[in-house]
C-alpha cells in the first residue's frame, strides 16, 4: 500500500490520514485534526488543498523514527510548529507534537485521536475559531459545552 501511495504524484488528503498507520509507531491526531476526527470530518479550519498539515501527537522517544519514516517517502514533517506554506514542498505535511509523559489514545472511525476531553480543552483555548466544532461535539456527544456559533436574530 505504501508503495502505491508513494508512486502517486501527490498525496491525497484521505491518504494523509492513512500514511501514519504504516509507520507501526503509536500516534494520535491532535490540534486541528482532533477536531476533524471527533466531528467525523465535519469541521475543518486553517487548511487548503495546497497547504494541508496533519497534526499528530507522538511519544518523544519515537521522534527520530517518525522523521525517518516521513523522510523515506519524501514527506515533510516539522516538530511542534506549523511551518509557513511557502516553506513546504508538496501539499501534505505533518506537524509532530512529541509527548514525554505518554499519549492517551481513543479510536474514532479507525483514527487514533487524543481523548475527547483533551480535544475540547484544546478547542476552548481558541474558542472563536472552534465554535462550530464545539457545537457539533456538544450535540453529537451530549456534552454541556454551551456552544453556538449562530447568533440569535432579534426583530426590532
Protein backbone atom coordinates (compact mmCIF):
# COMPACT_ATOMS: atom_id res chain seq x y z
CA UNK A 1 0.00 0.00 0.00
CA UNK A 2 2.75 2.48 0.86
CA UNK A 3 4.41 1.74 -2.50
CA UNK A 4 1.14 2.58 -4.24
CA UNK A 5 0.80 5.80 -2.27
CA UNK A 6 4.43 6.73 -2.94
CA UNK A 7 4.11 6.15 -6.69
CA UNK A 8 1.47 8.90 -6.99
CA UNK A 9 2.40 12.43 -7.97
CA UNK A 10 0.64 13.85 -4.94
CA UNK A 11 -0.71 12.51 -1.67
CA UNK A 12 -4.44 12.99 -1.24
CA UNK A 13 -5.97 14.36 1.93
CA UNK A 14 -7.58 10.98 2.53
CA UNK A 15 -4.18 9.27 2.16
CA UNK A 16 -2.68 11.73 4.65
CA UNK A 17 -4.67 10.04 7.42
CA UNK A 18 -3.74 6.53 6.29
CA UNK A 19 0.02 7.02 5.88
CA UNK A 20 0.95 7.28 9.60
CA UNK A 21 -0.63 3.87 10.26
CA UNK A 22 2.09 2.28 8.12
CA UNK A 23 4.85 3.56 10.39
CA UNK A 24 3.94 0.97 13.01
CA UNK A 25 4.50 3.62 15.67
CA UNK A 26 1.88 4.82 18.13
CA UNK A 27 0.34 8.25 17.43
CA UNK A 28 -2.86 10.22 17.95
CA UNK A 29 -4.43 13.01 15.94
CA UNK A 30 -4.29 16.30 17.84
CA UNK A 31 -4.96 20.03 17.44
CA UNK A 32 -6.93 20.74 14.22
CA UNK A 33 -7.06 17.05 13.45
CA UNK A 34 -8.57 16.18 16.82
CA UNK A 35 -11.46 18.49 15.92
CA UNK A 36 -11.61 16.96 12.43
CA UNK A 37 -11.68 13.38 13.74
CA UNK A 38 -14.10 13.95 16.62
CA UNK A 39 -16.53 15.72 14.24
CA UNK A 40 -16.18 12.86 11.70
CA UNK A 41 -14.74 15.25 9.15
CA UNK A 42 -17.47 17.80 9.81
CA UNK A 43 -15.09 20.58 10.78
CA UNK A 44 -12.03 21.94 9.02
CA UNK A 45 -10.09 25.08 9.79
CA UNK A 46 -6.94 26.82 8.55
CA UNK A 47 -6.17 24.39 5.73
CA UNK A 48 -6.37 24.47 1.97
CA UNK A 49 -5.84 21.91 -0.77
CA UNK A 50 -2.30 23.19 -1.33
CA UNK A 51 -1.42 23.57 2.37
CA UNK A 52 -2.72 20.63 4.34
CA UNK A 53 -0.84 19.94 7.58
CA UNK A 54 -1.76 16.86 9.60
CA UNK A 55 -1.23 17.25 13.34
CA UNK A 56 -0.13 14.17 15.28
CA UNK A 57 0.93 13.57 18.86
CA UNK A 58 3.71 11.00 19.34
CA UNK A 59 5.95 9.64 22.06
CA UNK A 60 9.07 11.78 22.45
CA UNK A 61 11.23 8.66 22.23
CA UNK A 62 9.84 7.98 18.72
CA UNK A 63 10.56 11.35 17.07
CA UNK A 64 13.64 10.03 15.25
CA UNK A 65 11.68 7.06 13.95
CA UNK A 66 8.89 9.34 12.73
CA UNK A 67 11.36 11.62 10.97
CA UNK A 68 12.98 8.63 9.28
CA UNK A 69 9.58 7.27 8.23
CA UNK A 70 8.48 10.54 6.64
CA UNK A 71 11.89 11.12 5.01
CA UNK A 72 11.76 7.66 3.47
CA UNK A 73 8.75 8.80 1.44
CA UNK A 74 9.88 12.42 0.91
CA UNK A 75 7.09 13.73 3.11
CA UNK A 76 7.87 16.86 5.08
CA UNK A 77 7.42 16.92 8.85
CA UNK A 78 8.11 19.55 11.47
CA UNK A 79 8.24 19.39 15.25
CA UNK A 80 5.84 21.40 17.43
CA UNK A 81 5.25 24.15 14.88
CA UNK A 82 3.33 24.57 11.67
CA UNK A 83 5.62 25.99 9.01
CA UNK A 84 4.66 28.68 6.54
CA UNK A 85 3.09 27.12 3.44
CA UNK A 86 5.81 28.67 1.24
CA UNK A 87 8.46 26.72 3.17
CA UNK A 88 6.94 23.30 2.41
CA UNK A 89 7.33 21.15 -0.67
CA UNK A 90 4.06 19.45 -1.51
CA UNK A 91 0.55 19.89 -0.25
CA UNK A 92 0.50 17.38 2.61
CA UNK A 93 2.88 17.63 5.54
CA UNK A 94 2.90 16.59 9.18
CA UNK A 95 3.30 18.58 12.36
CA UNK A 96 4.56 16.26 15.08
CA UNK A 97 3.98 17.01 18.76
CA UNK A 98 6.26 14.89 20.98
CA UNK A 99 4.99 13.98 24.45
CA UNK A 100 7.35 12.81 27.19
CA UNK A 101 4.58 11.65 29.55
CA UNK A 102 2.98 9.26 27.09
CA UNK A 103 -0.09 9.70 24.96
CA UNK A 104 -3.68 8.73 25.56
CA UNK A 105 -5.47 7.38 22.52
CA UNK A 106 -9.09 6.82 21.64
CA UNK A 107 -10.29 5.48 18.30
CA UNK A 108 -12.87 7.20 16.11
CA UNK A 109 -13.72 5.76 12.70
CA UNK A 110 -10.37 3.96 12.55
CA UNK A 111 -8.35 7.02 13.51
CA UNK A 112 -6.33 7.30 16.72
CA UNK A 113 -7.11 10.60 18.38
CA UNK A 114 -6.50 12.31 21.70
CA UNK A 115 -9.35 11.86 24.19
CA UNK A 116 -12.43 13.98 23.60
CA UNK A 117 -11.96 15.92 26.82
CA UNK A 118 -8.40 16.89 25.78
CA UNK A 119 -9.61 17.84 22.29
CA UNK A 120 -12.32 20.06 23.76
CA UNK A 121 -9.75 21.69 26.06
CA UNK A 122 -7.54 22.45 23.03
CA UNK A 123 -10.50 23.92 21.15
CA UNK A 124 -11.50 26.07 24.13
CA UNK A 125 -8.05 27.71 24.01
CA UNK A 126 -9.08 29.24 20.67
CA UNK A 127 -12.82 29.09 21.10
CA UNK A 128 -13.90 31.58 18.40
CA UNK A 129 -12.17 29.52 15.72
CA UNK A 130 -13.53 26.23 17.02
CA UNK A 131 -17.06 27.29 17.99
CA UNK A 132 -18.69 25.35 15.12
CA UNK A 133 -16.73 22.20 16.06
CA UNK A 134 -17.67 22.63 19.71
CA UNK A 135 -21.32 22.90 18.70
CA UNK A 136 -21.08 19.67 16.68
CA UNK A 137 -19.36 17.88 19.55
CA UNK A 138 -21.83 19.18 22.16
CA UNK A 139 -24.75 17.90 20.08
CA UNK A 140 -23.24 14.58 18.99
CA UNK A 141 -21.69 13.53 22.30
CA UNK A 142 -24.28 15.17 24.57
CA UNK A 143 -21.68 17.30 26.32
CA UNK A 144 -22.58 20.55 28.06
CA UNK A 145 -20.26 22.99 26.28
CA UNK A 146 -22.72 25.87 25.73
CA UNK A 147 -21.58 26.24 22.15
CA UNK A 148 -23.45 28.06 19.45
CA UNK A 149 -21.86 29.87 16.56
CA UNK A 150 -25.19 31.19 15.33
CA UNK A 151 -26.17 34.48 16.93
CA UNK A 152 -29.84 34.81 17.69
CA UNK A 153 -31.50 37.30 15.38
CA UNK A 154 -33.92 39.66 17.04
CA UNK A 155 -36.64 41.64 15.32
CA UNK A 156 -36.92 45.33 16.00
